[in-house]
Amino acid sequence: MIIDLLANNGYIVLSKTVMKVIGLHEAILLGELCSEYVYWRKRDELEDGYFYSTRENIEEQTMLNVVHRKLLSKTLLFYLIIHN
């Protein structure tokens, strides 16, 4: 049923403020990475505060292909460097 699909936990949280600052696709990637971080943190499986996510996993979870991910990763890295 459509209601079951929409009520599923398969969502990526997006901040409107973040979308305005870094862009929609960048916010999607960042939101997914934040969700994964929380998942691994709750399981107490972070390694020195970090986790690993495969390209395949990111593509499956966000629908962002390899070209998007490479460009978005550079954009996110740029923002993290200049805003730290």
C-alpha atoms as a PDB file:
ATOM      1  CA  MET A   1       0.000   0.000   0.000  1.00  0.00           C
ATOM      2  CA  ILE A   2       1.205   3.535  -0.722  1.00  0.00           C
ATOM      3  CA  ILE A   3       0.686   4.620   2.882  1.00  0.00           C
ATOM      4  CA  ASP A   4       3.062   1.886   4.057  1.00  0.00           C
ATOM      5  CA  LEU A   5       5.704   3.074   1.624  1.00  0.00           C
ATOM      6  CA  LEU A   6       5.360   6.687   2.745  1.00  0.00           C
ATOM      7  CA  ALA A   7       5.343   5.750   6.431  1.00  0.00           C
ATOM      8  CA  ASN A   8       8.570   3.743   6.088  1.00  0.00           C
ATOM      9  CA  ASN A   9      11.748   4.809   7.868  1.00  0.00           C
ATOM     10  CA  GLY A  10      13.524   5.198   4.521  1.00  0.00           C
ATOM     11  CA  TYR A  11      13.872   8.987   4.650  1.00  0.00           C
ATOM     12  CA  ILE A  12      16.811  11.346   4.504  1.00  0.00           C
ATOM     13  CA  VAL A  13      16.485  14.363   6.769  1.00  0.00           C
ATOM     14  CA  LEU A  14      17.167  17.639   4.950  1.00  0.00           C
ATOM     15  CA  SER A  15      17.589  21.061   6.462  1.00  0.00           C
ATOM     16  CA  LYS A  16      16.207  23.935   4.397  1.00  0.00           C
ATOM     17  CA  THR A  17      18.965  26.149   5.750  1.00  0.00           C
ATOM     18  CA  VAL A  18      21.655  23.662   4.721  1.00  0.00           C
ATOM     19  CA  MET A  19      20.057  23.287   1.269  1.00  0.00           C
ATOM     20  CA  LYS A  20      20.179  27.063   0.779  1.00  0.00           C
ATOM     21  CA  VAL A  21      23.828  27.256   1.825  1.00  0.00           C
ATOM     22  CA  ILE A  22      25.369  24.221   0.097  1.00  0.00           C
ATOM     23  CA  GLY A  23      22.733  23.035  -2.392  1.00  0.00           C
ATOM     24  CA  LEU A  24      20.058  20.347  -2.644  1.00  0.00           C
ATOM     25  CA  HIS A  25      22.205  17.401  -3.740  1.00  0.00           C
ATOM     26  CA  GLU A  26      24.924  18.273  -1.245  1.00  0.00           C
ATOM     27  CA  ALA A  27      22.305  18.378   1.522  1.00  0.00           C
ATOM     28  CA  ILE A  28      21.018  14.957   0.433  1.00  0.00           C
ATOM     29  CA  LEU A  29      24.496  13.465   0.672  1.00  0.00           C
ATOM     30  CA  LEU A  30      25.210  15.171   3.986  1.00  0.00           C
ATOM     31  CA  GLY A  31      21.840  14.085   5.415  1.00  0.00           C
ATOM     32  CA  GLU A  32      22.497  10.472   4.472  1.00  0.00           C
ATOM     33  CA  LEU A  33      25.991  10.546   5.942  1.00  0.00           C
ATOM     34  CA  CYS A  34      24.623  12.037   9.170  1.00  0.00           C
ATOM     35  CA  SER A  35      21.993   9.275   9.348  1.00  0.00           C
ATOM     36  CA  GLU A  36      24.661   6.634   8.863  1.00  0.00           C
ATOM     37  CA  TYR A  37      26.832   8.234  11.523  1.00  0.00           C
ATOM     38  CA  VAL A  38      23.977   8.135  14.036  1.00  0.00           C
ATOM     39  CA  TYR A  39      23.244   4.501  13.100  1.00  0.00           C
ATOM     40  CA  TRP A  40      26.832   3.391  13.759  1.00  0.00           C
ATOM     41  CA  ARG A  41      27.145   5.562  16.881  1.00  0.00           C
ATOM     42  CA  LYS A  42      24.014   4.003  18.428  1.00  0.00           C
ATOM     43  CA  ARG A  43      25.490   0.563  17.768  1.00  0.00           C
ATOM     44  CA  ASP A  44      28.748   1.728  19.373  1.00  0.00           C
ATOM     45  CA  GLU A  45      30.577   0.675  16.209  1.00  0.00           C
ATOM     46  CA  LEU A  46      32.359   3.877  15.246  1.00  0.00           C
ATOM     47  CA  GLU A  47      36.118   3.511  14.872  1.00  0.00           C
ATOM     48  CA  ASP A  48      37.798   6.535  16.471  1.00  0.00           C
ATOM     49  CA  GLY A  49      34.620   8.510  15.743  1.00  0.00           C
ATOM     50  CA  TYR A  50      34.446   7.421  12.087  1.00  0.00           C
ATOM     51  CA  PHE A  51      32.471   4.972   9.966  1.00  0.00           C
ATOM     52  CA  TYR A  52      32.852   3.602   6.452  1.00  0.00           C
ATOM     53  CA  SER A  53      30.187   3.754   3.747  1.00  0.00           C
ATOM     54  CA  THR A  54      30.631   2.234   0.298  1.00  0.00           C
ATOM     55  CA  ARG A  55      29.916   3.983  -2.986  1.00  0.00           C
ATOM     56  CA  GLU A  56      27.277   1.366  -3.679  1.00  0.00           C
ATOM     57  CA  ASN A  57      25.568   2.053  -0.374  1.00  0.00           C
ATOM     58  CA  ILE A  58      25.509   5.827  -0.949  1.00  0.00           C
ATOM     59  CA  GLU A  59      24.123   5.377  -4.460  1.00  0.00           C
ATOM     60  CA  GLU A  60      21.462   2.931  -3.267  1.00  0.00           C
ATOM     61  CA  GLN A  61      20.406   5.161  -0.367  1.00  0.00           C
ATOM     62  CA  THR A  62      20.498   8.536  -2.159  1.00  0.00           C
ATOM     63  CA  MET A  63      20.123   7.759  -5.868  1.00  0.00           C
ATOM     64  CA  LEU A  64      23.174   9.987  -6.467  1.00  0.00           C
ATOM     65  CA  ASN A  65      25.459   8.481  -9.109  1.00  0.00           C
ATOM     66  CA  VAL A  66      29.263   8.465  -9.146  1.00  0.00           C
ATOM     67  CA  VAL A  67      29.542  11.810 -10.971  1.00  0.00           C
ATOM     68  CA  HIS A  68      27.230  13.493  -8.463  1.00  0.00           C
ATOM     69  CA  ARG A  69      29.055  11.978  -5.506  1.00  0.00           C
ATOM     70  CA  LYS A  70      32.498  13.100  -6.660  1.00  0.00           C
ATOM     71  CA  LEU A  71      31.359  16.684  -7.236  1.00  0.00           C
ATOM     72  CA  LEU A  72      29.307  16.762  -4.052  1.00  0.00           C
ATOM     73  CA  SER A  73      32.112  15.332  -1.948  1.00  0.00           C
ATOM     74  CA  LYS A  74      34.427  18.093  -3.178  1.00  0.00           C
ATOM     75  CA  THR A  75      31.798  20.731  -2.358  1.00  0.00           C
ATOM     76  CA  LEU A  76      31.204  19.334   1.128  1.00  0.00           C
ATOM     77  CA  LEU A  77      34.928  19.115   1.784  1.00  0.00           C
ATOM     78  CA  PHE A  78      35.310  22.740   0.654  1.00  0.00           C
ATOM     79  CA  TYR A  79      32.601  23.889   3.083  1.00  0.00           C
ATOM     80  CA  LEU A  80      34.032  21.885   5.967  1.00  0.00           C
ATOM     81  CA  ILE A  81      37.509  23.304   5.381  1.00  0.00           C
ATOM     82  CA  ILE A  82      36.539  26.957   5.089  1.00  0.00           C
ATOM     83  CA  HIS A  83      33.946  26.874   7.862  1.00  0.00           C
ATOM     84  CA  ASN A  84      36.024  25.105  10.522  1.00  0.00           C
END
